[in-house]
């Protein structure tokens, strides 16, 4: 019986799961639209993820305040997944749902949009109280895992403990949360904003599932892939880093013009012809053949 999912998506899901089993960690690049998905694919990454911050910034909105809708997020996942042959994991923030059943629905919708994995945060989106109580967060992870297991391919659920992003510099509580999410069935564990390699090492030693680390920020700004590998990390992401780098370059060029610096920064950018060649030709992957259903 047809499930509506293509064999291509199944293959991507298996490939993504296997990347977490390699002897060395891999870097997942965060794309925020179809163009960056194609660029990063051609650069040579093995997998992509979306970024809620990159998407929010591209829409002219701040991140983390419930200002981007589920529909907009799914449209973004769909666009990124259609622009690449690589596995795509969706940044689903807090699941866009009031309760655990709603989180399960969001996982199913992300899979329909082309994702083969997703991250679920223990945040609320409420600036007055950003981190959920542990019991409630565990229920939501458990529901996400149940929905993922019911899919006809190995959908990878990443559970996030976001303490350090919101001023709760409590490593013990962060580890307790990650252990609880592991017990709830999460495939990958993630605590963005860890302050240093010692904290990364402690997290990796405390859990039995692959750990994803946010690199290039804070105390990990100078850490290399080899440094993180030595701590036991299995997956590395840059979150909004590439989006911020792109926006920062545009901002610098715009300020350079207004501040009397001329057009030197613009002149250093890739040429019109170079970027046209980047997008030239067919999409990175053709739309799935409707006959290829599993």
C-alpha atoms as a PDB file:
ATOM      1  CA  UNK A   1       0.000   0.000   0.000  1.00  0.00           C
ATOM      2  CA  UNK A   2       1.279   3.476  -0.881  1.00  0.00           C
ATOM      3  CA  UNK A   3       2.191   5.731   2.035  1.00  0.00           C
ATOM      4  CA  UNK A   4       2.699   8.843  -0.094  1.00  0.00           C
ATOM      5  CA  UNK A   5       6.438   8.973   0.684  1.00  0.00           C
ATOM      6  CA  UNK A   6       9.012   8.474  -2.071  1.00  0.00           C
ATOM      7  CA  UNK A   7      11.814   5.935  -2.067  1.00  0.00           C
ATOM      8  CA  UNK A   8      14.139   8.923  -2.434  1.00  0.00           C
ATOM      9  CA  UNK A   9      13.060  10.231   0.966  1.00  0.00           C
ATOM     10  CA  UNK A  10      13.628   6.814   2.487  1.00  0.00           C
ATOM     11  CA  UNK A  11      17.143   6.751   1.040  1.00  0.00           C
ATOM     12  CA  UNK A  12      17.881  10.210   2.435  1.00  0.00           C
ATOM     13  CA  UNK A  13      16.603   9.154   5.852  1.00  0.00           C
ATOM     14  CA  UNK A  14      18.848   6.078   5.920  1.00  0.00           C
ATOM     15  CA  UNK A  15      21.830   8.146   4.765  1.00  0.00           C
ATOM     16  CA  UNK A  16      21.208  10.723   7.512  1.00  0.00           C
ATOM     17  CA  UNK A  17      20.976   8.069  10.202  1.00  0.00           C
ATOM     18  CA  UNK A  18      24.208   6.442   8.992  1.00  0.00           C
ATOM     19  CA  UNK A  19      26.107   9.737   9.145  1.00  0.00           C
ATOM     20  CA  UNK A  20      25.674   9.628  12.933  1.00  0.00           C
ATOM     21  CA  UNK A  21      27.410   6.242  13.007  1.00  0.00           C
ATOM     22  CA  UNK A  22      30.633   7.302  11.262  1.00  0.00           C
ATOM     23  CA  UNK A  23      33.912   7.221  13.217  1.00  0.00           C
ATOM     24  CA  UNK A  24      34.297  11.001  12.836  1.00  0.00           C
ATOM     25  CA  UNK A  25      31.638  13.691  13.380  1.00  0.00           C
ATOM     26  CA  UNK A  26      30.000  15.376  10.415  1.00  0.00           C
ATOM     27  CA  UNK A  27      28.976  18.982   9.924  1.00  0.00           C
ATOM     28  CA  UNK A  28      25.392  19.705   8.972  1.00  0.00           C
ATOM     29  CA  UNK A  29      25.018  23.051   7.179  1.00  0.00           C
ATOM     30  CA  UNK A  30      22.000  25.242   7.906  1.00  0.00           C
ATOM     31  CA  UNK A  31      20.212  26.616   4.828  1.00  0.00           C
ATOM     32  CA  UNK A  32      17.470  29.213   5.012  1.00  0.00           C
ATOM     33  CA  UNK A  33      16.073  29.045   1.463  1.00  0.00           C
ATOM     34  CA  UNK A  34      16.314  27.069  -1.767  1.00  0.00           C
ATOM     35  CA  UNK A  35      19.256  29.107  -3.045  1.00  0.00           C
ATOM     36  CA  UNK A  36      21.406  28.504   0.003  1.00  0.00           C
ATOM     37  CA  UNK A  37      20.392  24.844  -0.042  1.00  0.00           C
ATOM     38  CA  UNK A  38      21.757  24.515  -3.579  1.00  0.00           C
ATOM     39  CA  UNK A  39      24.901  26.487  -2.725  1.00  0.00           C
ATOM     40  CA  UNK A  40      25.654  24.366   0.341  1.00  0.00           C
ATOM     41  CA  UNK A  41      24.931  21.163  -1.580  1.00  0.00           C
ATOM     42  CA  UNK A  42      27.453  22.136  -4.232  1.00  0.00           C
ATOM     43  CA  UNK A  43      29.960  23.102  -1.542  1.00  0.00           C
ATOM     44  CA  UNK A  44      30.099  19.453  -0.501  1.00  0.00           C
ATOM     45  CA  UNK A  45      28.193  19.037   2.757  1.00  0.00           C
ATOM     46  CA  UNK A  46      26.690  15.627   3.523  1.00  0.00           C
ATOM     47  CA  UNK A  47      23.444  16.893   5.074  1.00  0.00           C
ATOM     48  CA  UNK A  48      21.491  20.102   5.557  1.00  0.00           C
ATOM     49  CA  UNK A  49      19.233  21.508   8.236  1.00  0.00           C
ATOM     50  CA  UNK A  50      16.918  24.474   8.219  1.00  0.00           C
ATOM     51  CA  UNK A  51      17.374  27.331  10.680  1.00  0.00           C
ATOM     52  CA  UNK A  52      14.508  29.071  12.433  1.00  0.00           C
ATOM     53  CA  UNK A  53      16.637  32.177  12.947  1.00  0.00           C
ATOM     54  CA  UNK A  54      17.758  32.278   9.323  1.00  0.00           C
ATOM     55  CA  UNK A  55      14.165  31.960   8.182  1.00  0.00           C
ATOM     56  CA  UNK A  56      12.919  34.593  10.627  1.00  0.00           C
ATOM     57  CA  UNK A  57      15.667  37.036   9.626  1.00  0.00           C
ATOM     58  CA  UNK A  58      14.902  36.511   5.923  1.00  0.00           C
ATOM     59  CA  UNK A  59      11.282  37.466   6.710  1.00  0.00           C
ATOM     60  CA  UNK A  60      12.389  40.553   8.624  1.00  0.00           C
ATOM     61  CA  UNK A  61      11.370  39.199  12.041  1.00  0.00           C
ATOM     62  CA  UNK A  62      13.185  38.341  15.274  1.00  0.00           C
ATOM     63  CA  UNK A  63      13.616  34.675  16.136  1.00  0.00           C
ATOM     64  CA  UNK A  64      12.287  32.826  19.179  1.00  0.00           C
ATOM     65  CA  UNK A  65       9.113  34.847  19.708  1.00  0.00           C
ATOM     66  CA  UNK A  66       6.489  32.759  17.899  1.00  0.00           C
ATOM     67  CA  UNK A  67       6.436  35.242  14.999  1.00  0.00           C
ATOM     68  CA  UNK A  68       6.958  32.648  12.240  1.00  0.00           C
ATOM     69  CA  UNK A  69       4.025  30.330  11.629  1.00  0.00           C
ATOM     70  CA  UNK A  70       4.038  26.572  11.207  1.00  0.00           C
ATOM     71  CA  UNK A  71       2.860  27.046   7.618  1.00  0.00           C
ATOM     72  CA  UNK A  72       5.784  29.343   6.835  1.00  0.00           C
ATOM     73  CA  UNK A  73       8.197  26.895   8.453  1.00  0.00           C
ATOM     74  CA  UNK A  74       6.837  23.949   6.483  1.00  0.00           C
ATOM     75  CA  UNK A  75       6.984  25.942   3.240  1.00  0.00           C
ATOM     76  CA  UNK A  76      10.639  26.630   4.028  1.00  0.00           C
ATOM     77  CA  UNK A  77      11.345  22.938   4.734  1.00  0.00           C
ATOM     78  CA  UNK A  78       9.627  22.036   1.477  1.00  0.00           C
ATOM     79  CA  UNK A  79      11.692  24.543  -0.518  1.00  0.00           C
ATOM     80  CA  UNK A  80      15.005  23.437   1.011  1.00  0.00           C
ATOM     81  CA  UNK A  81      14.257  19.717   0.606  1.00  0.00           C
ATOM     82  CA  UNK A  82      13.224  20.198  -3.038  1.00  0.00           C
ATOM     83  CA  UNK A  83      16.456  22.064  -3.829  1.00  0.00           C
ATOM     84  CA  UNK A  84      18.871  19.307  -2.776  1.00  0.00           C
ATOM     85  CA  UNK A  85      19.460  15.580  -2.947  1.00  0.00           C
ATOM     86  CA  UNK A  86      20.869  15.658   0.597  1.00  0.00           C
ATOM     87  CA  UNK A  87      19.075  14.676   3.813  1.00  0.00           C
ATOM     88  CA  UNK A  88      17.322  17.656   5.440  1.00  0.00           C
ATOM     89  CA  UNK A  89      16.559  18.005   9.138  1.00  0.00           C
ATOM     90  CA  UNK A  90      13.905  20.565  10.066  1.00  0.00           C
ATOM     91  CA  UNK A  91      14.297  23.133  12.829  1.00  0.00           C
ATOM     92  CA  UNK A  92      10.816  22.875  14.349  1.00  0.00           C
ATOM     93  CA  UNK A  93      11.538  25.112  17.343  1.00  0.00           C
ATOM     94  CA  UNK A  94       9.158  24.130  20.185  1.00  0.00           C
ATOM     95  CA  UNK A  95       6.935  22.073  17.880  1.00  0.00           C
ATOM     96  CA  UNK A  96       4.377  24.787  17.055  1.00  0.00           C
ATOM     97  CA  UNK A  97       1.915  23.179  19.423  1.00  0.00           C
ATOM     98  CA  UNK A  98       0.330  23.691  22.826  1.00  0.00           C
ATOM     99  CA  UNK A  99       0.427  20.000  23.744  1.00  0.00           C
ATOM    100  CA  UNK A 100       2.252  16.773  23.001  1.00  0.00           C
ATOM    101  CA  UNK A 101      -0.320  15.570  20.469  1.00  0.00           C
ATOM    102  CA  UNK A 102       0.243  18.757  18.510  1.00  0.00           C
ATOM    103  CA  UNK A 103       4.002  18.143  18.485  1.00  0.00           C
ATOM    104  CA  UNK A 104       3.360  14.700  17.001  1.00  0.00           C
ATOM    105  CA  UNK A 105       1.243  16.291  14.266  1.00  0.00           C
ATOM    106  CA  UNK A 106       4.066  18.729  13.505  1.00  0.00           C
ATOM    107  CA  UNK A 107       6.548  15.877  13.082  1.00  0.00           C
ATOM    108  CA  UNK A 108       4.215  14.186  10.611  1.00  0.00           C
ATOM    109  CA  UNK A 109       3.763  17.433   8.665  1.00  0.00           C
ATOM    110  CA  UNK A 110       7.527  18.003   8.517  1.00  0.00           C
ATOM    111  CA  UNK A 111       7.993  14.526   7.088  1.00  0.00           C
ATOM    112  CA  UNK A 112       5.340  15.259   4.460  1.00  0.00           C
ATOM    113  CA  UNK A 113       7.260  18.430   3.600  1.00  0.00           C
ATOM    114  CA  UNK A 114      10.374  16.375   2.825  1.00  0.00           C
ATOM    115  CA  UNK A 115      12.342  16.356   6.081  1.00  0.00           C
ATOM    116  CA  UNK A 116      14.018  13.155   7.278  1.00  0.00           C
ATOM    117  CA  UNK A 117      14.702  14.493  10.752  1.00  0.00           C
ATOM    118  CA  UNK A 118      13.756  17.358  13.035  1.00  0.00           C
ATOM    119  CA  UNK A 119      14.778  19.099  16.229  1.00  0.00           C
ATOM    120  CA  UNK A 120      12.345  19.855  19.045  1.00  0.00           C
ATOM    121  CA  UNK A 121      13.275  22.423  21.699  1.00  0.00           C
ATOM    122  CA  UNK A 122      12.200  22.548  25.329  1.00  0.00           C
ATOM    123  CA  UNK A 123      11.360  26.237  24.911  1.00  0.00           C
ATOM    124  CA  UNK A 124       8.030  28.051  25.040  1.00  0.00           C
ATOM    125  CA  UNK A 125       8.539  31.113  22.824  1.00  0.00           C
ATOM    126  CA  UNK A 126       7.304  33.214  25.766  1.00  0.00           C
ATOM    127  CA  UNK A 127       9.968  35.824  26.687  1.00  0.00           C
ATOM    128  CA  UNK A 128       8.722  35.811  30.299  1.00  0.00           C
ATOM    129  CA  UNK A 129       9.298  32.068  30.772  1.00  0.00           C
ATOM    130  CA  UNK A 130      11.435  30.578  28.039  1.00  0.00           C
ATOM    131  CA  UNK A 131      12.169  27.017  29.233  1.00  0.00           C
ATOM    132  CA  UNK A 132       9.446  24.407  29.811  1.00  0.00           C
ATOM    133  CA  UNK A 133       9.153  22.324  32.972  1.00  0.00           C
ATOM    134  CA  UNK A 134      11.029  19.059  32.483  1.00  0.00           C
ATOM    135  CA  UNK A 135       8.017  16.725  32.750  1.00  0.00           C
ATOM    136  CA  UNK A 136       6.153  18.673  30.089  1.00  0.00           C
ATOM    137  CA  UNK A 137       9.195  18.789  27.811  1.00  0.00           C
ATOM    138  CA  UNK A 138       9.662  15.016  28.144  1.00  0.00           C
ATOM    139  CA  UNK A 139       6.044  14.381  27.135  1.00  0.00           C
ATOM    140  CA  UNK A 140       6.592  16.411  23.998  1.00  0.00           C
ATOM    141  CA  UNK A 141       9.790  14.574  23.075  1.00  0.00           C
ATOM    142  CA  UNK A 142       8.071  11.243  23.672  1.00  0.00           C
ATOM    143  CA  UNK A 143       5.201  12.253  21.366  1.00  0.00           C
ATOM    144  CA  UNK A 144       7.642  13.399  18.671  1.00  0.00           C
ATOM    145  CA  UNK A 145       9.479  10.076  18.865  1.00  0.00           C
ATOM    146  CA  UNK A 146       6.247   8.066  18.650  1.00  0.00           C
ATOM    147  CA  UNK A 147       5.184   9.982  15.540  1.00  0.00           C
ATOM    148  CA  UNK A 148       8.615   9.484  13.985  1.00  0.00           C
ATOM    149  CA  UNK A 149       8.627   5.744  14.677  1.00  0.00           C
ATOM    150  CA  UNK A 150       5.286   5.380  12.903  1.00  0.00           C
ATOM    151  CA  UNK A 151       6.751   6.742   9.647  1.00  0.00           C
ATOM    152  CA  UNK A 152       7.891   4.274   6.958  1.00  0.00           C
ATOM    153  CA  UNK A 153      11.500   5.445   7.175  1.00  0.00           C
ATOM    154  CA  UNK A 154      13.966   6.210  10.019  1.00  0.00           C
ATOM    155  CA  UNK A 155      13.071   9.816  10.886  1.00  0.00           C
ATOM    156  CA  UNK A 156      15.750  11.215  13.230  1.00  0.00           C
ATOM    157  CA  UNK A 157      14.452  13.145  16.252  1.00  0.00           C
ATOM    158  CA  UNK A 158      16.848  15.593  17.890  1.00  0.00           C
ATOM    159  CA  UNK A 159      15.841  16.799  21.360  1.00  0.00           C
ATOM    160  CA  UNK A 160      17.202  20.158  22.494  1.00  0.00           C
ATOM    161  CA  UNK A 161      17.868  21.469  25.994  1.00  0.00           C
ATOM    162  CA  UNK A 162      18.053  25.230  25.535  1.00  0.00           C
ATOM    163  CA  UNK A 163      19.022  26.354  29.054  1.00  0.00           C
ATOM    164  CA  UNK A 164      22.233  28.079  28.015  1.00  0.00           C
ATOM    165  CA  UNK A 165      20.542  30.072  25.246  1.00  0.00           C
ATOM    166  CA  UNK A 166      18.249  31.714  27.783  1.00  0.00           C
ATOM    167  CA  UNK A 167      20.562  32.577  30.636  1.00  0.00           C
ATOM    168  CA  UNK A 168      20.196  29.336  32.588  1.00  0.00           C
ATOM    169  CA  UNK A 169      23.855  28.400  32.863  1.00  0.00           C
ATOM    170  CA  UNK A 170      23.127  25.189  34.734  1.00  0.00           C
ATOM    171  CA  UNK A 171      25.094  22.294  33.274  1.00  0.00           C
ATOM    172  CA  UNK A 172      23.718  19.757  35.753  1.00  0.00           C
ATOM    173  CA  UNK A 173      20.117  20.579  34.831  1.00  0.00           C
ATOM    174  CA  UNK A 174      21.001  20.567  31.135  1.00  0.00           C
ATOM    175  CA  UNK A 175      22.504  17.084  31.445  1.00  0.00           C
ATOM    176  CA  UNK A 176      19.493  15.883  33.451  1.00  0.00           C
ATOM    177  CA  UNK A 177      17.219  17.142  30.693  1.00  0.00           C
ATOM    178  CA  UNK A 178      19.233  15.466  27.950  1.00  0.00           C
ATOM    179  CA  UNK A 179      19.215  12.178  29.863  1.00  0.00           C
ATOM    180  CA  UNK A 180      15.447  12.420  30.234  1.00  0.00           C
ATOM    181  CA  UNK A 181      15.059  13.103  26.504  1.00  0.00           C
ATOM    182  CA  UNK A 182      17.289  10.117  25.762  1.00  0.00           C
ATOM    183  CA  UNK A 183      15.066   7.948  27.933  1.00  0.00           C
ATOM    184  CA  UNK A 184      12.055   9.332  26.040  1.00  0.00           C
ATOM    185  CA  UNK A 185      13.581   7.954  22.829  1.00  0.00           C
ATOM    186  CA  UNK A 186      15.337  10.889  21.175  1.00  0.00           C
ATOM    187  CA  UNK A 187      17.872   9.799  18.549  1.00  0.00           C
ATOM    188  CA  UNK A 188      20.191  12.797  18.933  1.00  0.00           C
ATOM    189  CA  UNK A 189      20.743  15.128  21.899  1.00  0.00           C
ATOM    190  CA  UNK A 190      21.571  18.817  21.609  1.00  0.00           C
ATOM    191  CA  UNK A 191      22.328  21.591  24.105  1.00  0.00           C
ATOM    192  CA  UNK A 192      23.120  24.728  22.099  1.00  0.00           C
ATOM    193  CA  UNK A 193      25.237  27.397  23.761  1.00  0.00           C
ATOM    194  CA  UNK A 194      27.510  25.161  25.838  1.00  0.00           C
ATOM    195  CA  UNK A 195      30.221  27.429  27.268  1.00  0.00           C
ATOM    196  CA  UNK A 196      33.387  25.446  26.600  1.00  0.00           C
ATOM    197  CA  UNK A 197      34.912  22.116  25.625  1.00  0.00           C
ATOM    198  CA  UNK A 198      34.769  20.857  29.200  1.00  0.00           C
ATOM    199  CA  UNK A 199      30.979  21.248  29.141  1.00  0.00           C
ATOM    200  CA  UNK A 200      30.809  19.508  25.754  1.00  0.00           C
ATOM    201  CA  UNK A 201      32.911  16.663  27.125  1.00  0.00           C
ATOM    202  CA  UNK A 202      30.652  16.342  30.174  1.00  0.00           C
ATOM    203  CA  UNK A 203      27.504  16.185  28.041  1.00  0.00           C
ATOM    204  CA  UNK A 204      28.939  13.558  25.694  1.00  0.00           C
ATOM    205  CA  UNK A 205      30.081  11.418  28.632  1.00  0.00           C
ATOM    206  CA  UNK A 206      26.697  11.645  30.359  1.00  0.00           C
ATOM    207  CA  UNK A 207      24.503  10.294  27.541  1.00  0.00           C
ATOM    208  CA  UNK A 208      24.465   7.277  25.285  1.00  0.00           C
ATOM    209  CA  UNK A 209      23.032   8.813  22.106  1.00  0.00           C
ATOM    210  CA  UNK A 210      24.828  10.952  19.499  1.00  0.00           C
ATOM    211  CA  UNK A 211      25.380  14.539  20.587  1.00  0.00           C
ATOM    212  CA  UNK A 212      25.024  17.549  18.285  1.00  0.00           C
ATOM    213  CA  UNK A 213      26.953  20.702  19.195  1.00  0.00           C
ATOM    214  CA  UNK A 214      26.487  24.280  18.024  1.00  0.00           C
ATOM    215  CA  UNK A 215      29.922  25.481  16.900  1.00  0.00           C
ATOM    216  CA  UNK A 216      31.361  28.858  16.058  1.00  0.00           C
ATOM    217  CA  UNK A 217      29.809  30.825  18.932  1.00  0.00           C
ATOM    218  CA  UNK A 218      30.707  31.818  22.488  1.00  0.00           C
ATOM    219  CA  UNK A 219      33.270  29.648  24.188  1.00  0.00           C
ATOM    220  CA  UNK A 220      33.289  27.269  21.204  1.00  0.00           C
ATOM    221  CA  UNK A 221      34.073  29.975  18.630  1.00  0.00           C
ATOM    222  CA  UNK A 222      37.644  28.719  18.283  1.00  0.00           C
ATOM    223  CA  UNK A 223      36.925  24.994  18.529  1.00  0.00           C
ATOM    224  CA  UNK A 224      37.745  22.873  15.493  1.00  0.00           C
ATOM    225  CA  UNK A 225      36.024  19.754  14.220  1.00  0.00           C
ATOM    226  CA  UNK A 226      38.940  17.771  15.657  1.00  0.00           C
ATOM    227  CA  UNK A 227      38.515  19.443  19.061  1.00  0.00           C
ATOM    228  CA  UNK A 228      34.828  18.549  19.159  1.00  0.00           C
ATOM    229  CA  UNK A 229      35.509  15.025  17.921  1.00  0.00           C
ATOM    230  CA  UNK A 230      37.924  14.508  20.815  1.00  0.00           C
ATOM    231  CA  UNK A 231      35.070  15.395  23.197  1.00  0.00           C
ATOM    232  CA  UNK A 232      32.828  12.710  21.698  1.00  0.00           C
ATOM    233  CA  UNK A 233      30.607  14.877  19.484  1.00  0.00           C
ATOM    234  CA  UNK A 234      28.919  13.061  16.601  1.00  0.00           C
ATOM    235  CA  UNK A 235      27.284  15.978  14.748  1.00  0.00           C
ATOM    236  CA  UNK A 236      28.181  19.660  14.426  1.00  0.00           C
ATOM    237  CA  UNK A 237      25.935  22.485  13.276  1.00  0.00           C
ATOM    238  CA  UNK A 238      26.367  26.223  12.856  1.00  0.00           C
ATOM    239  CA  UNK A 239      22.741  27.190  13.478  1.00  0.00           C
ATOM    240  CA  UNK A 240      22.132  30.709  12.228  1.00  0.00           C
ATOM    241  CA  UNK A 241      25.866  31.242  11.644  1.00  0.00           C
ATOM    242  CA  UNK A 242      25.825  31.176   7.847  1.00  0.00           C
ATOM    243  CA  UNK A 243      22.703  33.334   7.687  1.00  0.00           C
ATOM    244  CA  UNK A 244      24.308  35.840  10.057  1.00  0.00           C
ATOM    245  CA  UNK A 245      27.495  35.818   8.003  1.00  0.00           C
ATOM    246  CA  UNK A 246      25.528  36.550   4.819  1.00  0.00           C
ATOM    247  CA  UNK A 247      23.480  39.319   6.429  1.00  0.00           C
ATOM    248  CA  UNK A 248      26.596  40.721   8.068  1.00  0.00           C
ATOM    249  CA  UNK A 249      28.329  40.939   4.697  1.00  0.00           C
ATOM    250  CA  UNK A 250      25.337  42.740   3.182  1.00  0.00           C
ATOM    251  CA  UNK A 251      25.184  45.098   6.166  1.00  0.00           C
ATOM    252  CA  UNK A 252      28.900  45.883   5.925  1.00  0.00           C
ATOM    253  CA  UNK A 253      28.650  46.576   2.199  1.00  0.00           C
ATOM    254  CA  UNK A 254      25.630  48.838   2.674  1.00  0.00           C
ATOM    255  CA  UNK A 255      27.324  50.788   5.483  1.00  0.00           C
ATOM    256  CA  UNK A 256      30.516  51.085   3.433  1.00  0.00           C
ATOM    257  CA  UNK A 257      28.578  52.828   0.662  1.00  0.00           C
ATOM    258  CA  UNK A 258      26.742  55.228   2.978  1.00  0.00           C
ATOM    259  CA  UNK A 259      29.818  56.009   5.078  1.00  0.00           C
ATOM    260  CA  UNK A 260      31.779  57.184   2.062  1.00  0.00           C
ATOM    261  CA  UNK A 261      33.842  54.067   1.608  1.00  0.00           C
ATOM    262  CA  UNK A 262      32.651  53.583  -1.930  1.00  0.00           C
ATOM    263  CA  UNK A 263      31.810  50.231  -3.444  1.00  0.00           C
ATOM    264  CA  UNK A 264      34.894  48.246  -2.488  1.00  0.00           C
ATOM    265  CA  UNK A 265      32.965  45.654  -0.457  1.00  0.00           C
ATOM    266  CA  UNK A 266      30.431  45.127  -3.227  1.00  0.00           C
ATOM    267  CA  UNK A 267      33.239  44.773  -5.752  1.00  0.00           C
ATOM    268  CA  UNK A 268      34.692  41.895  -3.697  1.00  0.00           C
ATOM    269  CA  UNK A 269      31.454  39.892  -3.868  1.00  0.00           C
ATOM    270  CA  UNK A 270      30.985  36.969  -6.265  1.00  0.00           C
ATOM    271  CA  UNK A 271      30.186  38.240  -9.729  1.00  0.00           C
ATOM    272  CA  UNK A 272      26.765  38.193 -11.333  1.00  0.00           C
ATOM    273  CA  UNK A 273      28.020  35.605 -13.818  1.00  0.00           C
ATOM    274  CA  UNK A 274      29.478  33.398 -11.074  1.00  0.00           C
ATOM    275  CA  UNK A 275      26.201  33.286  -9.173  1.00  0.00           C
ATOM    276  CA  UNK A 276      24.186  32.750 -12.341  1.00  0.00           C
ATOM    277  CA  UNK A 277      26.332  29.701 -13.015  1.00  0.00           C
ATOM    278  CA  UNK A 278      25.659  28.500  -9.458  1.00  0.00           C
ATOM    279  CA  UNK A 279      21.915  28.304 -10.144  1.00  0.00           C
ATOM    280  CA  UNK A 280      22.199  27.330 -13.812  1.00  0.00           C
ATOM    281  CA  UNK A 281      20.921  23.972 -14.975  1.00  0.00           C
ATOM    282  CA  UNK A 282      18.316  21.662 -13.485  1.00  0.00           C
ATOM    283  CA  UNK A 283      17.512  21.577  -9.772  1.00  0.00           C
ATOM    284  CA  UNK A 284      19.864  19.596  -7.544  1.00  0.00           C
ATOM    285  CA  UNK A 285      17.286  16.816  -7.475  1.00  0.00           C
ATOM    286  CA  UNK A 286      14.238  16.269  -9.626  1.00  0.00           C
ATOM    287  CA  UNK A 287      10.793  16.069  -8.090  1.00  0.00           C
ATOM    288  CA  UNK A 288      10.103  12.503  -6.894  1.00  0.00           C
ATOM    289  CA  UNK A 289       8.549  10.239  -9.473  1.00  0.00           C
ATOM    290  CA  UNK A 290       5.005   9.584  -8.241  1.00  0.00           C
ATOM    291  CA  UNK A 291       5.442   5.951  -9.256  1.00  0.00           C
ATOM    292  CA  UNK A 292       8.303   5.631  -6.728  1.00  0.00           C
ATOM    293  CA  UNK A 293       6.179   5.194  -3.616  1.00  0.00           C
ATOM    294  CA  UNK A 294       6.827   3.063  -0.585  1.00  0.00           C
END
